[in-house]
Amino acid sequence: MSLGGKVACVFPGQGSQYVGMGRQLYEAFPQTRALLEEGGEVLGMDLKGLCLEGPEELLVLTANTQPAILAVSTMAWTVLKDHGISPDFVAGHSLGEYSALVAADSMRYLEALQAVRRRGELMQEAVAVGAGAMAAIIGLPLEEIGEICREAAQGEVVEVANLNTPVQTVVAGQKTAVERAMAAAKARGAKRIQPLPVSAPFHCRLMRPIAQEFAQVLARLEIRDPRIPLIATRDAEPKATAAAVIQSLVEQLSYPVRWVEVVRRLIQEGVQTFIEVGPGKVLSGLITRIDGEVKVCQVQDPESLEEALTLFVKV
């Protein structure tokens, strides 16, 4: 049921976490409570307390952030689905791809939680806390940022990690190399440079050593062909089989998130309405900057759910 055009549900990833996320969903919708409680049991951690109470210094650790965002996104998806919304496509930004796969019935929620928990642990093991960094550079074209990374590396690693909008690119790598890239971007006239609150440098070659072990993690799960078409951030192409999903998730660790291409591909496929499902409004802002003509809304609490539902009517 929609006002016209196709609908895509998109799921946020790292950088969308905040203390208290999911609280209003937990209090307002009884069907969401088991997701936090059962998820905590499976992981052997206080997932409910982490999401609802923090503390922030634990929430920002990637091994904790990843299951927390997945859990809250799945809570929001459950409520949205219960209100009769069935999207034509799903996609997720980085970690959000796992939430999208849960929505597409390609991964079971509890297994996805275990996978992203281990993903976060492996990422943190690959680069010690404080040794890596990520930063968003706004106002410079991608080609120039690529040049900056090559010049700033000086024998270390700093690479393009997220292509978020035509003028917002995230770089990742070793902390000192990222700092050199930030300084160079400022000197070249970047409008804004923002260090990201993450504890590991995602989507760069520093993650390659963990690929084989993570592939083994995924191989132990029951991953099915997605029931809703998934556009992957690895290459902005649909992944129709379980094998293609697994390969894309493994490669995603060390390759850039091609979010601009994902959004444009969805629009090309006829999507006119994007629903950001999960904590925050990061993706909504990015999508609007990529194409200001599409409809964008969020579902992260009861109020935003009601606002989103006003875009839909029974036909």
C-alpha atoms as a PDB file:
ATOM      1  CA  MET A   1       0.000   0.000   0.000  1.00  0.00           C
ATOM      2  CA  SER A   2       1.680   3.212  -1.146  1.00  0.00           C
ATOM      3  CA  LEU A   3       1.062   6.537  -2.757  1.00  0.00           C
ATOM      4  CA  GLY A   4       2.851   5.553  -5.933  1.00  0.00           C
ATOM      5  CA  GLY A   5       6.262   4.298  -6.926  1.00  0.00           C
ATOM      6  CA  LYS A   6       8.259   1.604  -5.208  1.00  0.00           C
ATOM      7  CA  VAL A   7       9.413   1.600  -1.592  1.00  0.00           C
ATOM      8  CA  ALA A   8      12.814   0.758  -0.159  1.00  0.00           C
ATOM      9  CA  CYS A   9      13.572   0.159   3.503  1.00  0.00           C
ATOM     10  CA  VAL A  10      17.130   1.169   4.325  1.00  0.00           C
ATOM     11  CA  PHE A  11      18.948   0.281   7.526  1.00  0.00           C
ATOM     12  CA  PRO A  12      21.620   2.365   9.285  1.00  0.00           C
ATOM     13  CA  GLY A  13      25.043   1.194  10.393  1.00  0.00           C
ATOM     14  CA  GLN A  14      27.946   2.415  12.460  1.00  0.00           C
ATOM     15  CA  GLY A  15      27.628   6.025  13.563  1.00  0.00           C
ATOM     16  CA  SER A  16      23.883   5.780  14.211  1.00  0.00           C
ATOM     17  CA  GLN A  17      24.166   4.561  17.802  1.00  0.00           C
ATOM     18  CA  TYR A  18      23.188   6.605  20.845  1.00  0.00           C
ATOM     19  CA  VAL A  19      22.370   5.832  24.455  1.00  0.00           C
ATOM     20  CA  GLY A  20      18.648   5.236  24.871  1.00  0.00           C
ATOM     21  CA  MET A  21      18.031   4.052  21.321  1.00  0.00           C
ATOM     22  CA  GLY A  22      15.083   1.708  21.185  1.00  0.00           C
ATOM     23  CA  ARG A  23      13.641   2.822  24.524  1.00  0.00           C
ATOM     24  CA  GLN A  24      10.406   4.239  23.124  1.00  0.00           C
ATOM     25  CA  LEU A  25       9.873   1.229  20.876  1.00  0.00           C
ATOM     26  CA  TYR A  26      10.507  -1.091  23.822  1.00  0.00           C
ATOM     27  CA  GLU A  27       8.001   0.744  25.997  1.00  0.00           C
ATOM     28  CA  ALA A  28       5.302   1.210  23.353  1.00  0.00           C
ATOM     29  CA  PHE A  29       5.349  -2.107  21.481  1.00  0.00           C
ATOM     30  CA  PRO A  30       5.418  -5.331  23.526  1.00  0.00           C
ATOM     31  CA  GLN A  31       6.426  -7.407  20.485  1.00  0.00           C
ATOM     32  CA  THR A  32       9.829  -5.670  20.426  1.00  0.00           C
ATOM     33  CA  ARG A  33      10.857  -6.551  23.967  1.00  0.00           C
ATOM     34  CA  ALA A  34      11.810 -10.147  23.312  1.00  0.00           C
ATOM     35  CA  LEU A  35      14.260  -9.009  20.642  1.00  0.00           C
ATOM     36  CA  LEU A  36      16.427  -7.283  23.233  1.00  0.00           C
ATOM     37  CA  GLU A  37      15.905  -9.863  25.934  1.00  0.00           C
ATOM     38  CA  GLU A  38      16.464 -12.978  23.807  1.00  0.00           C
ATOM     39  CA  GLY A  39      19.299 -11.265  21.972  1.00  0.00           C
ATOM     40  CA  GLY A  40      21.057 -10.570  25.250  1.00  0.00           C
ATOM     41  CA  GLU A  41      20.699 -14.207  26.282  1.00  0.00           C
ATOM     42  CA  VAL A  42      22.182 -15.465  23.020  1.00  0.00           C
ATOM     43  CA  LEU A  43      25.102 -13.044  23.211  1.00  0.00           C
ATOM     44  CA  GLY A  44      25.691 -13.467  26.941  1.00  0.00           C
ATOM     45  CA  MET A  45      25.517  -9.721  27.504  1.00  0.00           C
ATOM     46  CA  ASP A  46      23.043  -7.129  28.794  1.00  0.00           C
ATOM     47  CA  LEU A  47      21.893  -6.017  25.356  1.00  0.00           C
ATOM     48  CA  LYS A  48      18.790  -4.346  26.755  1.00  0.00           C
ATOM     49  CA  GLY A  49      20.803  -2.353  29.280  1.00  0.00           C
ATOM     50  CA  LEU A  50      23.419  -1.404  26.691  1.00  0.00           C
ATOM     51  CA  CYS A  51      20.835   0.004  24.274  1.00  0.00           C
ATOM     52  CA  LEU A  52      18.579   1.685  26.803  1.00  0.00           C
ATOM     53  CA  GLU A  53      21.083   2.816  29.439  1.00  0.00           C
ATOM     54  CA  GLY A  54      24.592   2.706  27.955  1.00  0.00           C
ATOM     55  CA  PRO A  55      27.135   3.732  29.133  1.00  0.00           C
ATOM     56  CA  GLU A  56      28.369   5.483  26.015  1.00  0.00           C
ATOM     57  CA  GLU A  57      31.970   4.336  26.421  1.00  0.00           C
ATOM     58  CA  LEU A  58      30.798   0.720  26.099  1.00  0.00           C
ATOM     59  CA  LEU A  59      28.216   1.386  23.401  1.00  0.00           C
ATOM     60  CA  VAL A  60      30.790   2.923  21.043  1.00  0.00           C
ATOM     61  CA  LEU A  61      33.022  -0.168  21.096  1.00  0.00           C
ATOM     62  CA  THR A  62      32.393  -1.813  17.753  1.00  0.00           C
ATOM     63  CA  ALA A  63      31.821  -5.289  19.228  1.00  0.00           C
ATOM     64  CA  ASN A  64      28.926  -3.769  21.209  1.00  0.00           C
ATOM     65  CA  THR A  65      27.731  -1.173  18.711  1.00  0.00           C
ATOM     66  CA  GLN A  66      27.088  -3.670  15.947  1.00  0.00           C
ATOM     67  CA  PRO A  67      24.624  -5.964  17.775  1.00  0.00           C
ATOM     68  CA  ALA A  68      22.995  -2.946  19.449  1.00  0.00           C
ATOM     69  CA  ILE A  69      22.206  -1.210  16.146  1.00  0.00           C
ATOM     70  CA  LEU A  70      21.050  -4.469  14.590  1.00  0.00           C
ATOM     71  CA  ALA A  71      18.737  -5.125  17.537  1.00  0.00           C
ATOM     72  CA  VAL A  72      17.124  -1.684  17.494  1.00  0.00           C
ATOM     73  CA  SER A  73      16.781  -1.736  13.708  1.00  0.00           C
ATOM     74  CA  THR A  74      15.042  -5.105  13.919  1.00  0.00           C
ATOM     75  CA  MET A  75      12.719  -3.730  16.606  1.00  0.00           C
ATOM     76  CA  ALA A  76      11.754  -0.890  14.270  1.00  0.00           C
ATOM     77  CA  TRP A  77      11.359  -3.281  11.339  1.00  0.00           C
ATOM     78  CA  THR A  78       9.100  -5.559  13.378  1.00  0.00           C
ATOM     79  CA  VAL A  79       6.781  -2.678  14.228  1.00  0.00           C
ATOM     80  CA  LEU A  80       6.749  -1.396  10.652  1.00  0.00           C
ATOM     81  CA  LYS A  81       5.994  -4.862   9.273  1.00  0.00           C
ATOM     82  CA  ASP A  82       3.213  -5.326  11.826  1.00  0.00           C
ATOM     83  CA  HIS A  83       1.618  -2.172  10.382  1.00  0.00           C
ATOM     84  CA  GLY A  84       1.429  -3.793   6.956  1.00  0.00           C
ATOM     85  CA  ILE A  85       4.353  -2.134   5.182  1.00  0.00           C
ATOM     86  CA  SER A  86       6.111  -4.459   2.733  1.00  0.00           C
ATOM     87  CA  PRO A  87       8.958  -2.823   0.788  1.00  0.00           C
ATOM     88  CA  ASP A  88       9.964  -3.603  -2.770  1.00  0.00           C
ATOM     89  CA  PHE A  89      13.680  -3.448  -1.912  1.00  0.00           C
ATOM     90  CA  VAL A  90      15.969  -3.398   1.099  1.00  0.00           C
ATOM     91  CA  ALA A  91      19.477  -2.051   1.553  1.00  0.00           C
ATOM     92  CA  GLY A  92      21.758  -1.275   4.449  1.00  0.00           C
ATOM     93  CA  HIS A  93      24.729   0.984   5.035  1.00  0.00           C
ATOM     94  CA  SER A  94      27.690  -1.139   6.172  1.00  0.00           C
ATOM     95  CA  LEU A  95      26.459  -2.984   9.278  1.00  0.00           C
ATOM     96  CA  GLY A  96      22.904  -2.076   8.234  1.00  0.00           C
ATOM     97  CA  GLU A  97      23.127  -4.702   5.515  1.00  0.00           C
ATOM     98  CA  TYR A  98      22.662  -7.362   8.199  1.00  0.00           C
ATOM     99  CA  SER A  99      19.456  -5.700   9.403  1.00  0.00           C
ATOM    100  CA  ALA A 100      18.321  -5.584   5.774  1.00  0.00           C
ATOM    101  CA  LEU A 101      19.005  -9.311   5.417  1.00  0.00           C
ATOM    102  CA  VAL A 102      16.962 -10.032   8.544  1.00  0.00           C
ATOM    103  CA  ALA A 103      14.108  -8.014   7.026  1.00  0.00           C
ATOM    104  CA  ALA A 104      14.493  -9.958   3.772  1.00  0.00           C
ATOM    105  CA  ASP A 105      14.293 -13.245   5.702  1.00  0.00           C
ATOM    106  CA  SER A 106      17.765 -14.171   4.483  1.00  0.00           C
ATOM    107  CA  MET A 107      19.218 -14.303   8.008  1.00  0.00           C
ATOM    108  CA  ARG A 108      17.580 -15.211  11.300  1.00  0.00           C
ATOM    109  CA  TYR A 109      17.716 -12.375  13.816  1.00  0.00           C
ATOM    110  CA  LEU A 110      19.516 -14.275  16.573  1.00  0.00           C
ATOM    111  CA  GLU A 111      22.074 -15.697  14.149  1.00  0.00           C
ATOM    112  CA  ALA A 112      22.609 -12.248  12.639  1.00  0.00           C
ATOM    113  CA  LEU A 113      23.271 -10.912  16.142  1.00  0.00           C
ATOM    114  CA  GLN A 114      25.915 -13.532  16.719  1.00  0.00           C
ATOM    115  CA  ALA A 115      27.478 -12.825  13.328  1.00  0.00           C
ATOM    116  CA  VAL A 116      27.769  -9.083  13.844  1.00  0.00           C
ATOM    117  CA  ARG A 117      29.042  -9.536  17.386  1.00  0.00           C
ATOM    118  CA  ARG A 118      31.863 -11.706  16.031  1.00  0.00           C
ATOM    119  CA  ARG A 119      32.338  -9.298  13.122  1.00  0.00           C
ATOM    120  CA  GLY A 120      32.833  -6.482  15.599  1.00  0.00           C
ATOM    121  CA  GLU A 121      35.264  -8.526  17.683  1.00  0.00           C
ATOM    122  CA  LEU A 122      37.319  -9.456  14.638  1.00  0.00           C
ATOM    123  CA  MET A 123      37.384  -5.851  13.438  1.00  0.00           C
ATOM    124  CA  GLN A 124      38.609  -4.741  16.834  1.00  0.00           C
ATOM    125  CA  GLU A 125      41.235  -7.479  16.906  1.00  0.00           C
ATOM    126  CA  ALA A 126      42.483  -6.421  13.465  1.00  0.00           C
ATOM    127  CA  VAL A 127      43.294  -2.906  14.688  1.00  0.00           C
ATOM    128  CA  ALA A 128      43.723  -2.056  18.359  1.00  0.00           C
ATOM    129  CA  VAL A 129      41.500   0.618  19.917  1.00  0.00           C
ATOM    130  CA  GLY A 130      43.095   4.002  19.258  1.00  0.00           C
ATOM    131  CA  ALA A 131      45.350   2.793  16.436  1.00  0.00           C
ATOM    132  CA  GLY A 132      42.803   3.294  13.679  1.00  0.00           C
ATOM    133  CA  ALA A 133      40.460   6.122  12.748  1.00  0.00           C
ATOM    134  CA  MET A 134      37.775   7.249  10.324  1.00  0.00           C
ATOM    135  CA  ALA A 135      36.817  10.760   9.249  1.00  0.00           C
ATOM    136  CA  ALA A 136      34.167  12.311   7.018  1.00  0.00           C
ATOM    137  CA  ILE A 137      35.376  14.867   4.494  1.00  0.00           C
ATOM    138  CA  ILE A 138      32.710  17.190   3.118  1.00  0.00           C
ATOM    139  CA  GLY A 139      33.011  19.516   0.165  1.00  0.00           C
ATOM    140  CA  LEU A 140      35.686  17.856  -1.963  1.00  0.00           C
ATOM    141  CA  PRO A 141      35.132  15.570  -4.968  1.00  0.00           C
ATOM    142  CA  LEU A 142      35.926  11.875  -4.650  1.00  0.00           C
ATOM    143  CA  GLU A 143      38.829  12.037  -7.096  1.00  0.00           C
ATOM    144  CA  GLU A 144      40.589  14.694  -5.022  1.00  0.00           C
ATOM    145  CA  ILE A 145      40.077  12.742  -1.806  1.00  0.00           C
ATOM    146  CA  GLY A 146      41.630   9.728  -3.489  1.00  0.00           C
ATOM    147  CA  GLU A 147      44.683  11.849  -4.295  1.00  0.00           C
ATOM    148  CA  ILE A 148      44.827  13.094  -0.708  1.00  0.00           C
ATOM    149  CA  CYS A 149      44.787   9.528   0.623  1.00  0.00           C
ATOM    150  CA  ARG A 150      47.613   8.451  -1.662  1.00  0.00           C
ATOM    151  CA  GLU A 151      49.733  11.426  -0.626  1.00  0.00           C
ATOM    152  CA  ALA A 152      48.914  11.147   3.084  1.00  0.00           C
ATOM    153  CA  ALA A 153      49.616   7.419   3.365  1.00  0.00           C
ATOM    154  CA  GLN A 154      53.422   7.748   3.556  1.00  0.00           C
ATOM    155  CA  GLY A 155      53.831   4.009   3.985  1.00  0.00           C
ATOM    156  CA  GLU A 156      50.730   3.635   6.170  1.00  0.00           C
ATOM    157  CA  VAL A 157      47.091   2.972   5.256  1.00  0.00           C
ATOM    158  CA  VAL A 158      44.441   5.590   4.602  1.00  0.00           C
ATOM    159  CA  GLU A 159      41.759   4.873   2.019  1.00  0.00           C
ATOM    160  CA  VAL A 160      38.288   5.886   0.882  1.00  0.00           C
ATOM    161  CA  ALA A 161      35.852   3.848   2.993  1.00  0.00           C
ATOM    162  CA  ASN A 162      32.354   5.291   2.419  1.00  0.00           C
ATOM    163  CA  LEU A 163      30.997   7.101  -0.627  1.00  0.00           C
ATOM    164  CA  ASN A 164      28.080   8.690   1.217  1.00  0.00           C
ATOM    165  CA  THR A 165      27.054  11.580  -1.076  1.00  0.00           C
ATOM    166  CA  PRO A 166      28.654  13.209  -4.103  1.00  0.00           C
ATOM    167  CA  VAL A 167      30.419  15.623  -1.717  1.00  0.00           C
ATOM    168  CA  GLN A 168      30.730  13.549   1.472  1.00  0.00           C
ATOM    169  CA  THR A 169      33.347  10.828   1.604  1.00  0.00           C
ATOM    170  CA  VAL A 170      34.654   8.912   4.606  1.00  0.00           C
ATOM    171  CA  VAL A 171      38.283   7.830   4.854  1.00  0.00           C
ATOM    172  CA  ALA A 172      39.656   5.096   7.094  1.00  0.00           C
ATOM    173  CA  GLY A 173      43.025   3.721   8.106  1.00  0.00           C
ATOM    174  CA  GLN A 174      45.788   4.091  10.633  1.00  0.00           C
ATOM    175  CA  LYS A 175      45.196   7.052  12.912  1.00  0.00           C
ATOM    176  CA  THR A 176      48.290   9.061  11.976  1.00  0.00           C
ATOM    177  CA  ALA A 177      47.623   8.603   8.260  1.00  0.00           C
ATOM    178  CA  VAL A 178      43.975   9.635   8.676  1.00  0.00           C
ATOM    179  CA  GLU A 179      45.106  12.725  10.581  1.00  0.00           C
ATOM    180  CA  ARG A 180      47.447  13.649   7.714  1.00  0.00           C
ATOM    181  CA  ALA A 181      44.597  13.200   5.246  1.00  0.00           C
ATOM    182  CA  MET A 182      42.353  15.413   7.372  1.00  0.00           C
ATOM    183  CA  ALA A 183      44.984  18.153   7.443  1.00  0.00           C
ATOM    184  CA  ALA A 184      45.507  17.905   3.692  1.00  0.00           C
ATOM    185  CA  ALA A 185      41.759  18.062   3.031  1.00  0.00           C
ATOM    186  CA  LYS A 186      41.493  21.184   5.155  1.00  0.00           C
ATOM    187  CA  ALA A 187      44.366  22.767   3.236  1.00  0.00           C
ATOM    188  CA  ARG A 188      42.607  21.992  -0.041  1.00  0.00           C
ATOM    189  CA  GLY A 189      39.421  23.745   1.068  1.00  0.00           C
ATOM    190  CA  ALA A 190      37.151  21.039   2.447  1.00  0.00           C
ATOM    191  CA  LYS A 191      34.015  22.626   3.908  1.00  0.00           C
ATOM    192  CA  ARG A 192      34.017  20.339   6.927  1.00  0.00           C
ATOM    193  CA  ILE A 193      36.086  17.512   8.350  1.00  0.00           C
ATOM    194  CA  GLN A 194      34.527  15.339  11.050  1.00  0.00           C
ATOM    195  CA  PRO A 195      36.297  12.524  12.934  1.00  0.00           C
ATOM    196  CA  LEU A 196      33.882   9.630  13.447  1.00  0.00           C
ATOM    197  CA  PRO A 197      33.199   8.058  16.860  1.00  0.00           C
ATOM    198  CA  VAL A 198      34.303   4.530  15.964  1.00  0.00           C
ATOM    199  CA  SER A 199      36.835   2.215  17.569  1.00  0.00           C
ATOM    200  CA  ALA A 200      38.134   0.564  14.386  1.00  0.00           C
ATOM    201  CA  PRO A 201      38.782   1.643  10.755  1.00  0.00           C
ATOM    202  CA  PHE A 202      36.153  -0.136   8.666  1.00  0.00           C
ATOM    203  CA  HIS A 203      36.068  -0.805   4.929  1.00  0.00           C
ATOM    204  CA  CYS A 204      39.779  -0.516   4.226  1.00  0.00           C
ATOM    205  CA  ARG A 205      42.591  -3.004   3.625  1.00  0.00           C
ATOM    206  CA  LEU A 206      43.358  -3.216   7.347  1.00  0.00           C
ATOM    207  CA  MET A 207      40.314  -5.502   7.565  1.00  0.00           C
ATOM    208  CA  ARG A 208      41.585  -8.025   4.992  1.00  0.00           C
ATOM    209  CA  PRO A 209      43.314 -10.314   7.533  1.00  0.00           C
ATOM    210  CA  ILE A 210      39.964 -11.157   9.154  1.00  0.00           C
ATOM    211  CA  ALA A 211      38.120 -12.035   5.930  1.00  0.00           C
ATOM    212  CA  GLN A 212      38.800 -15.771   5.970  1.00  0.00           C
ATOM    213  CA  GLU A 213      37.808 -16.249   9.597  1.00  0.00           C
ATOM    214  CA  PHE A 214      34.641 -14.201   9.127  1.00  0.00           C
ATOM    215  CA  ALA A 215      33.756 -16.238   6.036  1.00  0.00           C
ATOM    216  CA  GLN A 216      33.873 -19.306   8.288  1.00  0.00           C
ATOM    217  CA  VAL A 217      31.522 -17.561  10.732  1.00  0.00           C
ATOM    218  CA  LEU A 218      28.995 -16.952   7.967  1.00  0.00           C
ATOM    219  CA  ALA A 219      29.384 -20.485   6.615  1.00  0.00           C
ATOM    220  CA  ARG A 220      28.081 -21.872   9.914  1.00  0.00           C
ATOM    221  CA  LEU A 221      24.839 -19.893   9.628  1.00  0.00           C
ATOM    222  CA  GLU A 222      21.686 -20.813   7.741  1.00  0.00           C
ATOM    223  CA  ILE A 223      21.648 -17.999   5.195  1.00  0.00           C
ATOM    224  CA  ARG A 224      18.844 -18.171   2.657  1.00  0.00           C
ATOM    225  CA  ASP A 225      18.073 -16.438  -0.634  1.00  0.00           C
ATOM    226  CA  PRO A 226      16.578 -13.012   0.209  1.00  0.00           C
ATOM    227  CA  ARG A 227      12.796 -12.854  -0.137  1.00  0.00           C
ATOM    228  CA  ILE A 228      12.963  -9.098  -0.724  1.00  0.00           C
ATOM    229  CA  PRO A 229      15.509  -7.904  -3.293  1.00  0.00           C
ATOM    230  CA  LEU A 230      18.671  -6.623  -1.587  1.00  0.00           C
ATOM    231  CA  ILE A 231      20.904  -4.020  -3.209  1.00  0.00           C
ATOM    232  CA  ALA A 232      24.366  -4.548  -1.718  1.00  0.00           C
ATOM    233  CA  THR A 233      26.769  -1.764  -0.796  1.00  0.00           C
ATOM    234  CA  ARG A 234      29.729  -3.744  -2.082  1.00  0.00           C
ATOM    235  CA  ASP A 235      28.859  -3.032  -5.718  1.00  0.00           C
ATOM    236  CA  ALA A 236      25.300  -1.588  -5.780  1.00  0.00           C
ATOM    237  CA  GLU A 237      24.051  -4.797  -7.399  1.00  0.00           C
ATOM    238  CA  PRO A 238      21.181  -7.057  -6.287  1.00  0.00           C
ATOM    239  CA  LYS A 239      22.110 -10.226  -4.407  1.00  0.00           C
ATOM    240  CA  ALA A 240      19.534 -12.917  -5.166  1.00  0.00           C
ATOM    241  CA  THR A 241      21.224 -16.011  -3.720  1.00  0.00           C
ATOM    242  CA  ALA A 242      22.646 -16.978  -0.345  1.00  0.00           C
ATOM    243  CA  ALA A 243      26.057 -17.571  -1.937  1.00  0.00           C
ATOM    244  CA  ALA A 244      26.095 -14.059  -3.406  1.00  0.00           C
ATOM    245  CA  VAL A 245      25.049 -12.605  -0.050  1.00  0.00           C
ATOM    246  CA  ILE A 246      27.889 -14.343   1.776  1.00  0.00           C
ATOM    247  CA  GLN A 247      30.506 -13.294  -0.749  1.00  0.00           C
ATOM    248  CA  SER A 248      29.311  -9.695  -0.615  1.00  0.00           C
ATOM    249  CA  LEU A 249      29.348  -9.584   3.187  1.00  0.00           C
ATOM    250  CA  VAL A 250      32.908 -10.904   3.335  1.00  0.00           C
ATOM    251  CA  GLU A 251      34.164  -8.473   0.702  1.00  0.00           C
ATOM    252  CA  GLN A 252      32.296  -5.623   2.380  1.00  0.00           C
ATOM    253  CA  LEU A 253      34.762  -5.730   5.291  1.00  0.00           C
ATOM    254  CA  SER A 254      37.626  -4.263   3.285  1.00  0.00           C
ATOM    255  CA  TYR A 255      35.930  -2.495   0.362  1.00  0.00           C
ATOM    256  CA  PRO A 256      34.227   0.921   0.302  1.00  0.00           C
ATOM    257  CA  VAL A 257      30.520   1.331   1.033  1.00  0.00           C
ATOM    258  CA  ARG A 258      29.126   2.622  -2.262  1.00  0.00           C
ATOM    259  CA  TRP A 259      26.052   4.301  -0.819  1.00  0.00           C
ATOM    260  CA  VAL A 260      25.606   6.897  -3.569  1.00  0.00           C
ATOM    261  CA  GLU A 261      25.453   4.122  -6.158  1.00  0.00           C
ATOM    262  CA  VAL A 262      23.038   2.070  -4.017  1.00  0.00           C
ATOM    263  CA  VAL A 263      20.575   4.962  -3.726  1.00  0.00           C
ATOM    264  CA  ARG A 264      20.828   5.771  -7.424  1.00  0.00           C
ATOM    265  CA  ARG A 265      20.315   2.120  -8.324  1.00  0.00           C
ATOM    266  CA  LEU A 266      17.188   1.962  -6.169  1.00  0.00           C
ATOM    267  CA  ILE A 267      15.826   5.096  -7.840  1.00  0.00           C
ATOM    268  CA  GLN A 268      16.628   3.576 -11.217  1.00  0.00           C
ATOM    269  CA  GLU A 269      14.586   0.536 -10.157  1.00  0.00           C
ATOM    270  CA  GLY A 270      11.587   2.810  -9.532  1.00  0.00           C
ATOM    271  CA  VAL A 271      11.924   3.564  -5.820  1.00  0.00           C
ATOM    272  CA  GLN A 272      10.307   6.881  -4.875  1.00  0.00           C
ATOM    273  CA  THR A 273       9.991   6.409  -1.114  1.00  0.00           C
ATOM    274  CA  PHE A 274      12.815   5.538   1.295  1.00  0.00           C
ATOM    275  CA  ILE A 275      12.124   4.499   4.880  1.00  0.00           C
ATOM    276  CA  GLU A 276      15.103   4.582   7.228  1.00  0.00           C
ATOM    277  CA  VAL A 277      14.446   1.782   9.708  1.00  0.00           C
ATOM    278  CA  GLY A 278      16.471   1.999  12.906  1.00  0.00           C
ATOM    279  CA  PRO A 279      18.222   4.487  15.173  1.00  0.00           C
ATOM    280  CA  GLY A 280      19.003   7.978  13.929  1.00  0.00           C
ATOM    281  CA  LYS A 281      18.451   9.929  10.735  1.00  0.00           C
ATOM    282  CA  VAL A 282      21.882   9.626   9.130  1.00  0.00           C
ATOM    283  CA  LEU A 283      20.727   7.815   5.998  1.00  0.00           C
ATOM    284  CA  SER A 284      17.766  10.134   5.500  1.00  0.00           C
ATOM    285  CA  GLY A 285      20.120  13.082   5.283  1.00  0.00           C
ATOM    286  CA  LEU A 286      22.434  11.281   2.872  1.00  0.00           C
ATOM    287  CA  ILE A 287      19.582  10.211   0.595  1.00  0.00           C
ATOM    288  CA  THR A 288      18.171  13.738   0.441  1.00  0.00           C
ATOM    289  CA  ARG A 289      21.585  15.042  -0.590  1.00  0.00           C
ATOM    290  CA  ILE A 290      21.865  12.401  -3.301  1.00  0.00           C
ATOM    291  CA  ASP A 291      18.384  13.075  -4.722  1.00  0.00           C
ATOM    292  CA  GLY A 292      16.141  15.785  -3.328  1.00  0.00           C
ATOM    293  CA  GLU A 293      13.071  14.604  -5.237  1.00  0.00           C
ATOM    294  CA  VAL A 294      12.408  11.324  -3.423  1.00  0.00           C
ATOM    295  CA  LYS A 295      10.316  10.943  -0.274  1.00  0.00           C
ATOM    296  CA  VAL A 296      12.290  10.084   2.853  1.00  0.00           C
ATOM    297  CA  CYS A 297      11.063   9.185   6.333  1.00  0.00           C
ATOM    298  CA  GLN A 298      12.252   7.319   9.415  1.00  0.00           C
ATOM    299  CA  VAL A 299      10.940   4.688  11.810  1.00  0.00           C
ATOM    300  CA  GLN A 300      12.783   4.751  15.121  1.00  0.00           C
ATOM    301  CA  ASP A 301      10.053   5.518  17.686  1.00  0.00           C
ATOM    302  CA  PRO A 302       6.232   5.739  17.858  1.00  0.00           C
ATOM    303  CA  GLU A 303       6.136   9.348  16.658  1.00  0.00           C
ATOM    304  CA  SER A 304       8.274   8.748  13.583  1.00  0.00           C
ATOM    305  CA  LEU A 305       6.283   5.588  12.831  1.00  0.00           C
ATOM    306  CA  GLU A 306       3.050   7.577  12.699  1.00  0.00           C
ATOM    307  CA  GLU A 307       4.670  10.186  10.460  1.00  0.00           C
ATOM    308  CA  ALA A 308       5.926   7.466   8.130  1.00  0.00           C
ATOM    309  CA  LEU A 309       2.531   5.804   7.936  1.00  0.00           C
ATOM    310  CA  THR A 310       0.979   9.042   6.670  1.00  0.00           C
ATOM    311  CA  LEU A 311       2.906   8.438   3.408  1.00  0.00           C
ATOM    312  CA  PHE A 312       0.942   5.249   2.856  1.00  0.00           C
ATOM    313  CA  VAL A 313      -2.710   4.675   2.070  1.00  0.00           C
ATOM    314  CA  LYS A 314      -4.726   1.561   1.388  1.00  0.00           C
ATOM    315  CA  VAL A 315      -5.374   0.902  -2.262  1.00  0.00           C
END
